[in-house]
Amino acid sequence: MSANQCPICRRPLGGKSEKHHLVPKSEGGRETIAVHPICHRKIHSLFSERELAVAYDTPEALRAHPEMGRFIKWVSKRPPDFHRRTRRKRNVRSNNPRA
């Protein structure tokens, strides 16, 4: 994969990108990847920090999740700088015992 490509949706990175910690900083993570802002927001709308640390700590694991797959299929038809507000699901924070 190219350094100028989002590892989540595999579209070229546009003018803006954000750093995503594969393991959240709150869980001791340091490694980051450059992703589109819309991809970054989708990740954090779906998964708690604990889930990211334990089960979704690679781009491959994130892409394999069914809801991320639907998102990737949808966003792949958009230009690299496309952005739309992402709705946050309930119970995604790691301090929530039901997450």
PDB file of N, CA and C in Angstrom:
ATOM      1  N   MET A   1       0.840  -1.176   0.000  1.00  0.00           N
ATOM      2  CA  MET A   1       0.000   0.000   0.000  1.00  0.00           C
ATOM      3  C   MET A   1       0.885   1.240   0.000  1.00  0.00           C
ATOM      4  N   SER A   2       0.463   2.246  -0.733  1.00  0.00           N
ATOM      5  CA  SER A   2       1.209   3.495  -0.851  1.00  0.00           C
ATOM      6  C   SER A   2       1.097   4.332   0.421  1.00  0.00           C
ATOM      7  N   ALA A   3       2.137   5.123   0.695  1.00  0.00           N
ATOM      8  CA  ALA A   3       2.114   6.020   1.852  1.00  0.00           C
ATOM      9  C   ALA A   3       1.075   7.116   1.665  1.00  0.00           C
ATOM     10  N   ASN A   4       0.646   7.345   0.437  1.00  0.00           N
ATOM     11  CA  ASN A   4      -0.361   8.367   0.152  1.00  0.00           C
ATOM     12  C   ASN A   4      -1.755   7.783   0.020  1.00  0.00           C
ATOM     13  N   GLN A   5      -1.967   6.621   0.637  1.00  0.00           N
ATOM     14  CA  GLN A   5      -3.243   5.932   0.546  1.00  0.00           C
ATOM     15  C   GLN A   5      -3.767   5.662   1.950  1.00  0.00           C
ATOM     16  N   CYS A   6      -5.055   5.880   2.155  1.00  0.00           N
ATOM     17  CA  CYS A   6      -5.673   5.589   3.449  1.00  0.00           C
ATOM     18  C   CYS A   6      -5.720   4.070   3.637  1.00  0.00           C
ATOM     19  N   PRO A   7      -5.178   3.547   4.744  1.00  0.00           N
ATOM     20  CA  PRO A   7      -5.189   2.104   4.957  1.00  0.00           C
ATOM     21  C   PRO A   7      -6.571   1.547   5.315  1.00  0.00           C
ATOM     22  N   ILE A   8      -7.532   2.426   5.563  1.00  0.00           N
ATOM     23  CA  ILE A   8      -8.884   1.965   5.875  1.00  0.00           C
ATOM     24  C   ILE A   8      -9.698   1.798   4.593  1.00  0.00           C
ATOM     25  N   CYS A   9      -9.880   2.881   3.839  1.00  0.00           N
ATOM     26  CA  CYS A   9     -10.721   2.819   2.639  1.00  0.00           C
ATOM     27  C   CYS A   9      -9.918   2.606   1.362  1.00  0.00           C
ATOM     28  N   ARG A  10      -8.606   2.750   1.464  1.00  0.00           N
ATOM     29  CA  ARG A  10      -7.675   2.570   0.347  1.00  0.00           C
ATOM     30  C   ARG A  10      -7.829   3.605  -0.769  1.00  0.00           C
ATOM     31  N   ARG A  11      -8.496   4.720  -0.466  1.00  0.00           N
ATOM     32  CA  ARG A  11      -8.537   5.834  -1.421  1.00  0.00           C
ATOM     33  C   ARG A  11      -7.281   6.669  -1.215  1.00  0.00           C
ATOM     34  N   PRO A  12      -6.883   7.452  -2.224  1.00  0.00           N
ATOM     35  CA  PRO A  12      -5.741   8.354  -2.018  1.00  0.00           C
ATOM     36  C   PRO A  12      -6.061   9.342  -0.899  1.00  0.00           C
ATOM     37  N   LEU A  13      -5.053   9.660  -0.100  1.00  0.00           N
ATOM     38  CA  LEU A  13      -5.244  10.683   0.926  1.00  0.00           C
ATOM     39  C   LEU A  13      -5.340  12.030   0.230  1.00  0.00           C
ATOM     40  N   GLY A  14      -6.302  12.820   0.598  1.00  0.00           N
ATOM     41  CA  GLY A  14      -6.477  14.141   0.001  1.00  0.00           C
ATOM     42  C   GLY A  14      -5.599  15.154   0.704  1.00  0.00           C
ATOM     43  N   GLY A  15      -6.047  16.388   0.704  1.00  0.00           N
ATOM     44  CA  GLY A  15      -5.290  17.462   1.330  1.00  0.00           C
ATOM     45  C   GLY A  15      -5.251  17.367   2.841  1.00  0.00           C
ATOM     46  N   LYS A  16      -6.230  16.697   3.427  1.00  0.00           N
ATOM     47  CA  LYS A  16      -6.285  16.572   4.885  1.00  0.00           C
ATOM     48  C   LYS A  16      -6.224  15.106   5.279  1.00  0.00           C
ATOM     49  N   SER A  17      -5.484  14.834   6.330  1.00  0.00           N
ATOM     50  CA  SER A  17      -5.483  13.499   6.924  1.00  0.00           C
ATOM     51  C   SER A  17      -5.328  13.666   8.423  1.00  0.00           C
ATOM     52  N   GLU A  18      -5.676  12.632   9.154  1.00  0.00           N
ATOM     53  CA  GLU A  18      -5.552  12.640  10.609  1.00  0.00           C
ATOM     54  C   GLU A  18      -4.770  11.414  11.031  1.00  0.00           C
ATOM     55  N   LYS A  19      -4.146  11.500  12.199  1.00  0.00           N
ATOM     56  CA  LYS A  19      -3.422  10.358  12.752  1.00  0.00           C
ATOM     57  C   LYS A  19      -4.366   9.547  13.627  1.00  0.00           C
ATOM     58  N   HIS A  20      -4.449   8.259  13.332  1.00  0.00           N
ATOM     59  CA  HIS A  20      -5.245   7.335  14.139  1.00  0.00           C
ATOM     60  C   HIS A  20      -4.290   6.435  14.900  1.00  0.00           C
ATOM     61  N   HIS A  21      -4.434   6.382  16.211  1.00  0.00           N
ATOM     62  CA  HIS A  21      -3.645   5.457  17.030  1.00  0.00           C
ATOM     63  C   HIS A  21      -4.275   4.073  16.899  1.00  0.00           C
ATOM     64  N   LEU A  22      -3.519   3.115  16.393  1.00  0.00           N
ATOM     65  CA  LEU A  22      -4.058   1.761  16.237  1.00  0.00           C
ATOM     66  C   LEU A  22      -4.500   1.199  17.579  1.00  0.00           C
ATOM     67  N   VAL A  23      -3.714   1.420  18.606  1.00  0.00           N
ATOM     68  CA  VAL A  23      -4.118   1.147  19.990  1.00  0.00           C
ATOM     69  C   VAL A  23      -4.241   2.527  20.627  1.00  0.00           C
ATOM     70  N   PRO A  24      -5.406   2.871  21.189  1.00  0.00           N
ATOM     71  CA  PRO A  24      -5.585   4.209  21.754  1.00  0.00           C
ATOM     72  C   PRO A  24      -4.506   4.575  22.770  1.00  0.00           C
ATOM     73  N   LYS A  25      -4.185   5.871  22.825  1.00  0.00           N
ATOM     74  CA  LYS A  25      -3.187   6.350  23.790  1.00  0.00           C
ATOM     75  C   LYS A  25      -3.587   5.968  25.207  1.00  0.00           C
ATOM     76  N   SER A  26      -4.883   5.997  25.503  1.00  0.00           N
ATOM     77  CA  SER A  26      -5.354   5.649  26.848  1.00  0.00           C
ATOM     78  C   SER A  26      -5.086   4.188  27.197  1.00  0.00           C
ATOM     79  N   GLU A  27      -4.830   3.371  26.173  1.00  0.00           N
ATOM     80  CA  GLU A  27      -4.534   1.949  26.368  1.00  0.00           C
ATOM     81  C   GLU A  27      -3.051   1.664  26.147  1.00  0.00           C
ATOM     82  N   GLY A  28      -2.241   2.724  26.080  1.00  0.00           N
ATOM     83  CA  GLY A  28      -0.796   2.561  25.945  1.00  0.00           C
ATOM     84  C   GLY A  28      -0.266   2.560  24.524  1.00  0.00           C
ATOM     85  N   GLY A  29      -1.112   2.875  23.555  1.00  0.00           N
ATOM     86  CA  GLY A  29      -0.695   2.840  22.159  1.00  0.00           C
ATOM     87  C   GLY A  29       0.144   4.033  21.750  1.00  0.00           C
ATOM     88  N   ARG A  30       1.048   3.792  20.802  1.00  0.00           N
ATOM     89  CA  ARG A  30       1.901   4.851  20.261  1.00  0.00           C
ATOM     90  C   ARG A  30       1.873   4.891  18.739  1.00  0.00           C
ATOM     91  N   GLU A  31       1.742   3.738  18.094  1.00  0.00           N
ATOM     92  CA  GLU A  31       1.798   3.674  16.634  1.00  0.00           C
ATOM     93  C   GLU A  31       0.577   4.349  16.011  1.00  0.00           C
ATOM     94  N   THR A  32       0.820   5.166  14.990  1.00  0.00           N
ATOM     95  CA  THR A  32      -0.272   5.847  14.299  1.00  0.00           C
ATOM     96  C   THR A  32      -0.228   5.562  12.804  1.00  0.00           C
ATOM     97  N   ILE A  33      -1.379   5.744  12.185  1.00  0.00           N
ATOM     98  CA  ILE A  33      -1.501   5.661  10.732  1.00  0.00           C
ATOM     99  C   ILE A  33      -2.248   6.909  10.260  1.00  0.00           C
ATOM    100  N   ALA A  34      -1.965   7.362   9.048  1.00  0.00           N
ATOM    101  CA  ALA A  34      -2.667   8.504   8.466  1.00  0.00           C
ATOM    102  C   ALA A  34      -3.937   8.002   7.792  1.00  0.00           C
ATOM    103  N   VAL A  35      -5.067   8.603   8.147  1.00  0.00           N
ATOM    104  CA  VAL A  35      -6.366   8.212   7.596  1.00  0.00           C
ATOM    105  C   VAL A  35      -7.159   9.466   7.228  1.00  0.00           C
ATOM    106  N   HIS A  36      -8.174   9.292   6.388  1.00  0.00           N
ATOM    107  CA  HIS A  36      -9.087  10.393   6.085  1.00  0.00           C
ATOM    108  C   HIS A  36      -9.845  10.774   7.356  1.00  0.00           C
ATOM    109  N   PRO A  37     -10.180  12.047   7.517  1.00  0.00           N
ATOM    110  CA  PRO A  37     -10.988  12.442   8.681  1.00  0.00           C
ATOM    111  C   PRO A  37     -12.303  11.668   8.781  1.00  0.00           C
ATOM    112  N   ILE A  38     -12.982  11.424   7.651  1.00  0.00           N
ATOM    113  CA  ILE A  38     -14.252  10.712   7.698  1.00  0.00           C
ATOM    114  C   ILE A  38     -14.055   9.256   8.136  1.00  0.00           C
ATOM    115  N   CYS A  39     -12.960   8.633   7.715  1.00  0.00           N
ATOM    116  CA  CYS A  39     -12.661   7.260   8.142  1.00  0.00           C
ATOM    117  C   CYS A  39     -12.344   7.231   9.638  1.00  0.00           C
ATOM    118  N   HIS A  40     -11.591   8.220  10.093  1.00  0.00           N
ATOM    119  CA  HIS A  40     -11.219   8.301  11.505  1.00  0.00           C
ATOM    120  C   HIS A  40     -12.468   8.439  12.377  1.00  0.00           C
ATOM    121  N   ARG A  41     -13.373   9.306  11.966  1.00  0.00           N
ATOM    122  CA  ARG A  41     -14.587   9.508  12.753  1.00  0.00           C
ATOM    123  C   ARG A  41     -15.471   8.268  12.750  1.00  0.00           C
ATOM    124  N   LYS A  42     -15.505   7.568  11.634  1.00  0.00           N
ATOM    125  CA  LYS A  42     -16.311   6.339  11.576  1.00  0.00           C
ATOM    126  C   LYS A  42     -15.756   5.296  12.539  1.00  0.00           C
ATOM    127  N   ILE A  43     -14.451   5.140  12.580  1.00  0.00           N
ATOM    128  CA  ILE A  43     -13.825   4.185  13.507  1.00  0.00           C
ATOM    129  C   ILE A  43     -14.266   4.483  14.934  1.00  0.00           C
ATOM    130  N   HIS A  44     -14.139   5.752  15.343  1.00  0.00           N
ATOM    131  CA  HIS A  44     -14.443   6.106  16.731  1.00  0.00           C
ATOM    132  C   HIS A  44     -15.938   6.172  17.014  1.00  0.00           C
ATOM    133  N   SER A  45     -16.763   6.187  15.984  1.00  0.00           N
ATOM    134  CA  SER A  45     -18.207   6.130  16.214  1.00  0.00           C
ATOM    135  C   SER A  45     -18.672   4.692  16.437  1.00  0.00           C
ATOM    136  N   LEU A  46     -17.881   3.730  15.982  1.00  0.00           N
ATOM    137  CA  LEU A  46     -18.281   2.323  16.090  1.00  0.00           C
ATOM    138  C   LEU A  46     -17.679   1.589  17.282  1.00  0.00           C
ATOM    139  N   PHE A  47     -16.446   1.926  17.649  1.00  0.00           N
ATOM    140  CA  PHE A  47     -15.712   1.105  18.603  1.00  0.00           C
ATOM    141  C   PHE A  47     -15.298   1.879  19.843  1.00  0.00           C
ATOM    142  N   SER A  48     -15.337   1.197  20.982  1.00  0.00           N
ATOM    143  CA  SER A  48     -14.811   1.783  22.217  1.00  0.00           C
ATOM    144  C   SER A  48     -13.285   1.728  22.164  1.00  0.00           C
ATOM    145  N   GLU A  49     -12.652   2.475  23.016  1.00  0.00           N
ATOM    146  CA  GLU A  49     -11.188   2.442  23.069  1.00  0.00           C
ATOM    147  C   GLU A  49     -10.700   1.049  23.441  1.00  0.00           C
ATOM    148  N   ARG A  50     -11.407   0.374  24.306  1.00  0.00           N
ATOM    149  CA  ARG A  50     -11.028  -0.992  24.692  1.00  0.00           C
ATOM    150  C   ARG A  50     -11.142  -1.946  23.502  1.00  0.00           C
ATOM    151  N   GLU A  51     -12.236  -1.838  22.748  1.00  0.00           N
ATOM    152  CA  GLU A  51     -12.408  -2.685  21.561  1.00  0.00           C
ATOM    153  C   GLU A  51     -11.290  -2.438  20.552  1.00  0.00           C
ATOM    154  N   LEU A  52     -10.934  -1.175  20.371  1.00  0.00           N
ATOM    155  CA  LEU A  52      -9.840  -0.856  19.450  1.00  0.00           C
ATOM    156  C   LEU A  52      -8.536  -1.485  19.920  1.00  0.00           C
ATOM    157  N   ALA A  53      -8.279  -1.452  21.218  1.00  0.00           N
ATOM    158  CA  ALA A  53      -7.030  -1.994  21.760  1.00  0.00           C
ATOM    159  C   ALA A  53      -6.972  -3.513  21.658  1.00  0.00           C
ATOM    160  N   VAL A  54      -8.104  -4.172  21.851  1.00  0.00           N
ATOM    161  CA  VAL A  54      -8.117  -5.636  21.942  1.00  0.00           C
ATOM    162  C   VAL A  54      -8.393  -6.323  20.601  1.00  0.00           C
ATOM    163  N   ALA A  55      -9.378  -5.832  19.853  1.00  0.00           N
ATOM    164  CA  ALA A  55      -9.824  -6.576  18.676  1.00  0.00           C
ATOM    165  C   ALA A  55      -9.625  -5.864  17.340  1.00  0.00           C
ATOM    166  N   TYR A  56      -9.502  -4.552  17.355  1.00  0.00           N
ATOM    167  CA  TYR A  56      -9.453  -3.795  16.102  1.00  0.00           C
ATOM    168  C   TYR A  56      -8.210  -2.926  16.039  1.00  0.00           C
ATOM    169  N   ASP A  57      -7.067  -3.531  16.274  1.00  0.00           N
ATOM    170  CA  ASP A  57      -5.805  -2.787  16.352  1.00  0.00           C
ATOM    171  C   ASP A  57      -4.977  -2.848  15.070  1.00  0.00           C
ATOM    172  N   THR A  58      -5.601  -3.263  13.977  1.00  0.00           N
ATOM    173  CA  THR A  58      -4.939  -3.256  12.665  1.00  0.00           C
ATOM    174  C   THR A  58      -5.935  -2.748  11.622  1.00  0.00           C
ATOM    175  N   PRO A  59      -5.443  -2.165  10.538  1.00  0.00           N
ATOM    176  CA  PRO A  59      -6.364  -1.760   9.464  1.00  0.00           C
ATOM    177  C   PRO A  59      -7.162  -2.948   8.918  1.00  0.00           C
ATOM    178  N   GLU A  60      -6.536  -4.115   8.848  1.00  0.00           N
ATOM    179  CA  GLU A  60      -7.217  -5.309   8.342  1.00  0.00           C
ATOM    180  C   GLU A  60      -8.396  -5.690   9.228  1.00  0.00           C
ATOM    181  N   ALA A  61      -8.204  -5.650  10.543  1.00  0.00           N
ATOM    182  CA  ALA A  61      -9.284  -5.985  11.476  1.00  0.00           C
ATOM    183  C   ALA A  61     -10.418  -4.971  11.374  1.00  0.00           C
ATOM    184  N   LEU A  62     -10.075  -3.705  11.247  1.00  0.00           N
ATOM    185  CA  LEU A  62     -11.103  -2.673  11.103  1.00  0.00           C
ATOM    186  C   LEU A  62     -11.899  -2.887   9.821  1.00  0.00           C
ATOM    187  N   ARG A  63     -11.218  -3.140   8.717  1.00  0.00           N
ATOM    188  CA  ARG A  63     -11.898  -3.345   7.431  1.00  0.00           C
ATOM    189  C   ARG A  63     -12.778  -4.590   7.441  1.00  0.00           C
ATOM    190  N   ALA A  64     -12.438  -5.584   8.244  1.00  0.00           N
ATOM    191  CA  ALA A  64     -13.187  -6.838   8.279  1.00  0.00           C
ATOM    192  C   ALA A  64     -14.520  -6.719   9.019  1.00  0.00           C
ATOM    193  N   HIS A  65     -14.691  -5.682   9.824  1.00  0.00           N
ATOM    194  CA  HIS A  65     -15.948  -5.513  10.560  1.00  0.00           C
ATOM    195  C   HIS A  65     -17.067  -5.202   9.558  1.00  0.00           C
ATOM    196  N   PRO A  66     -18.227  -5.873   9.668  1.00  0.00           N
ATOM    197  CA  PRO A  66     -19.300  -5.688   8.676  1.00  0.00           C
ATOM    198  C   PRO A  66     -19.744  -4.235   8.490  1.00  0.00           C
ATOM    199  N   GLU A  67     -19.901  -3.493   9.564  1.00  0.00           N
ATOM    200  CA  GLU A  67     -20.358  -2.109   9.417  1.00  0.00           C
ATOM    201  C   GLU A  67     -19.283  -1.225   8.782  1.00  0.00           C
ATOM    202  N   MET A  68     -18.020  -1.490   9.102  1.00  0.00           N
ATOM    203  CA  MET A  68     -16.937  -0.757   8.435  1.00  0.00           C
ATOM    204  C   MET A  68     -16.909  -1.119   6.956  1.00  0.00           C
ATOM    205  N   GLY A  69     -17.171  -2.380   6.641  1.00  0.00           N
ATOM    206  CA  GLY A  69     -17.209  -2.809   5.244  1.00  0.00           C
ATOM    207  C   GLY A  69     -18.263  -2.059   4.450  1.00  0.00           C
ATOM    208  N   ARG A  70     -19.444  -1.889   5.045  1.00  0.00           N
ATOM    209  CA  ARG A  70     -20.507  -1.130   4.377  1.00  0.00           C
ATOM    210  C   ARG A  70     -20.090   0.329   4.195  1.00  0.00           C
ATOM    211  N   PHE A  71     -19.467   0.899   5.236  1.00  0.00           N
ATOM    212  CA  PHE A  71     -18.987   2.279   5.149  1.00  0.00           C
ATOM    213  C   PHE A  71     -17.940   2.412   4.039  1.00  0.00           C
ATOM    214  N   ILE A  72     -16.988   1.496   3.986  1.00  0.00           N
ATOM    215  CA  ILE A  72     -15.918   1.554   2.981  1.00  0.00           C
ATOM    216  C   ILE A  72     -16.503   1.454   1.571  1.00  0.00           C
ATOM    217  N   LYS A  73     -17.468   0.571   1.387  1.00  0.00           N
ATOM    218  CA  LYS A  73     -18.115   0.440   0.077  1.00  0.00           C
ATOM    219  C   LYS A  73     -18.769   1.763  -0.320  1.00  0.00           C
ATOM    220  N   TRP A  74     -19.430   2.412   0.635  1.00  0.00           N
ATOM    221  CA  TRP A  74     -20.092   3.692   0.376  1.00  0.00           C
ATOM    222  C   TRP A  74     -19.077   4.798   0.106  1.00  0.00           C
ATOM    223  N   VAL A  75     -18.074   4.935   0.977  1.00  0.00           N
ATOM    224  CA  VAL A  75     -17.137   6.059   0.867  1.00  0.00           C
ATOM    225  C   VAL A  75     -16.186   5.899  -0.319  1.00  0.00           C
ATOM    226  N   SER A  76     -16.002   4.682  -0.795  1.00  0.00           N
ATOM    227  CA  SER A  76     -15.078   4.464  -1.917  1.00  0.00           C
ATOM    228  C   SER A  76     -15.557   5.151  -3.194  1.00  0.00           C
ATOM    229  N   LYS A  77     -16.832   5.504  -3.241  1.00  0.00           N
ATOM    230  CA  LYS A  77     -17.392   6.190  -4.411  1.00  0.00           C
ATOM    231  C   LYS A  77     -17.272   7.710  -4.294  1.00  0.00           C
ATOM    232  N   ARG A  78     -16.677   8.185  -3.209  1.00  0.00           N
ATOM    233  CA  ARG A  78     -16.555   9.622  -2.961  1.00  0.00           C
ATOM    234  C   ARG A  78     -15.132  10.096  -3.243  1.00  0.00           C
ATOM    235  N   PRO A  79     -14.956  11.392  -3.533  1.00  0.00           N
ATOM    236  CA  PRO A  79     -13.602  11.920  -3.754  1.00  0.00           C
ATOM    237  C   PRO A  79     -12.779  11.898  -2.465  1.00  0.00           C
ATOM    238  N   PRO A  80     -11.451  11.930  -2.563  1.00  0.00           N
ATOM    239  CA  PRO A  80     -10.586  11.831  -1.380  1.00  0.00           C
ATOM    240  C   PRO A  80     -10.858  12.871  -0.296  1.00  0.00           C
ATOM    241  N   ASP A  81     -11.235  14.089  -0.667  1.00  0.00           N
ATOM    242  CA  ASP A  81     -11.476  15.127   0.340  1.00  0.00           C
ATOM    243  C   ASP A  81     -12.927  15.194   0.803  1.00  0.00           C
ATOM    244  N   PHE A  82     -13.736  14.222   0.417  1.00  0.00           N
ATOM    245  CA  PHE A  82     -15.142  14.201   0.820  1.00  0.00           C
ATOM    246  C   PHE A  82     -15.247  14.088   2.335  1.00  0.00           C
ATOM    247  N   HIS A  83     -16.170  14.863   2.890  1.00  0.00           N
ATOM    248  CA  HIS A  83     -16.424  14.745   4.325  1.00  0.00           C
ATOM    249  C   HIS A  83     -17.900  14.967   4.593  1.00  0.00           C
ATOM    250  N   ARG A  84     -18.422  14.204   5.513  1.00  0.00           N
ATOM    251  CA  ARG A  84     -19.790  14.341   5.978  1.00  0.00           C
ATOM    252  C   ARG A  84     -19.785  14.053   7.466  1.00  0.00           C
ATOM    253  N   ARG A  85     -20.652  14.701   8.168  1.00  0.00           N
ATOM    254  CA  ARG A  85     -20.756  14.490   9.611  1.00  0.00           C
ATOM    255  C   ARG A  85     -21.064  13.024   9.906  1.00  0.00           C
ATOM    256  N   THR A  86     -20.398  12.479  10.899  1.00  0.00           N
ATOM    257  CA  THR A  86     -20.591  11.086  11.297  1.00  0.00           C
ATOM    258  C   THR A  86     -21.378  11.054  12.591  1.00  0.00           C
ATOM    259  N   ARG A  87     -22.450  10.300  12.600  1.00  0.00           N
ATOM    260  CA  ARG A  87     -23.239  10.171  13.825  1.00  0.00           C
ATOM    261  C   ARG A  87     -22.565   9.187  14.760  1.00  0.00           C
ATOM    262  N   ARG A  88     -22.502   9.576  16.008  1.00  0.00           N
ATOM    263  CA  ARG A  88     -21.872   8.738  17.025  1.00  0.00           C
ATOM    264  C   ARG A  88     -22.905   7.787  17.612  1.00  0.00           C
ATOM    265  N   LYS A  89     -22.554   6.531  17.697  1.00  0.00           N
ATOM    266  CA  LYS A  89     -23.435   5.554  18.323  1.00  0.00           C
ATOM    267  C   LYS A  89     -23.332   5.665  19.832  1.00  0.00           C
ATOM    268  N   ARG A  90     -24.309   5.172  20.504  1.00  0.00           N
ATOM    269  CA  ARG A  90     -24.283   5.160  21.964  1.00  0.00           C
ATOM    270  C   ARG A  90     -23.334   4.086  22.474  1.00  0.00           C
ATOM    271  N   ASN A  91     -22.856   4.271  23.692  1.00  0.00           N
ATOM    272  CA  ASN A  91     -22.067   3.253  24.403  1.00  0.00           C
ATOM    273  C   ASN A  91     -20.758   2.885  23.720  1.00  0.00           C
ATOM    274  N   VAL A  92     -20.026   3.856  23.177  1.00  0.00           N
ATOM    275  CA  VAL A  92     -18.755   3.515  22.543  1.00  0.00           C
ATOM    276  C   VAL A  92     -17.544   3.911  23.375  1.00  0.00           C
ATOM    277  N   ARG A  93     -17.717   4.590  24.453  1.00  0.00           N
ATOM    278  CA  ARG A  93     -16.575   4.991  25.278  1.00  0.00           C
ATOM    279  C   ARG A  93     -16.128   3.849  26.175  1.00  0.00           C
ATOM    280  N   SER A  94     -14.821   3.748  26.373  1.00  0.00           N
ATOM    281  CA  SER A  94     -14.249   2.638  27.136  1.00  0.00           C
ATOM    282  C   SER A  94     -14.653   2.668  28.601  1.00  0.00           C
ATOM    283  N   ASN A  95     -15.057   3.829  29.129  1.00  0.00           N
ATOM    284  CA  ASN A  95     -15.453   3.882  30.529  1.00  0.00           C
ATOM    285  C   ASN A  95     -16.908   3.476  30.720  1.00  0.00           C
ATOM    286  N   ASN A  96     -17.580   3.092  29.660  1.00  0.00           N
ATOM    287  CA  ASN A  96     -18.950   2.635  29.743  1.00  0.00           C
ATOM    288  C   ASN A  96     -18.937   1.123  29.951  1.00  0.00           C
ATOM    289  N   PRO A  97     -19.481   0.627  31.060  1.00  0.00           N
ATOM    290  CA  PRO A  97     -19.420  -0.812  31.343  1.00  0.00           C
ATOM    291  C   PRO A  97     -20.180  -1.667  30.344  1.00  0.00           C
ATOM    292  N   ARG A  98     -21.105  -1.085  29.591  1.00  0.00           N
ATOM    293  CA  ARG A  98     -21.862  -1.867  28.614  1.00  0.00           C
ATOM    294  C   ARG A  98     -21.214  -1.878  27.242  1.00  0.00           C
ATOM    295  N   ALA A  99     -20.137  -1.127  27.064  1.00  0.00           N
ATOM    296  CA  ALA A  99     -19.494  -1.031  25.740  1.00  0.00           C
ATOM    297  C   ALA A  99     -18.712  -2.276  25.417  1.00  0.00           C
TER     298      ALA A  99
END
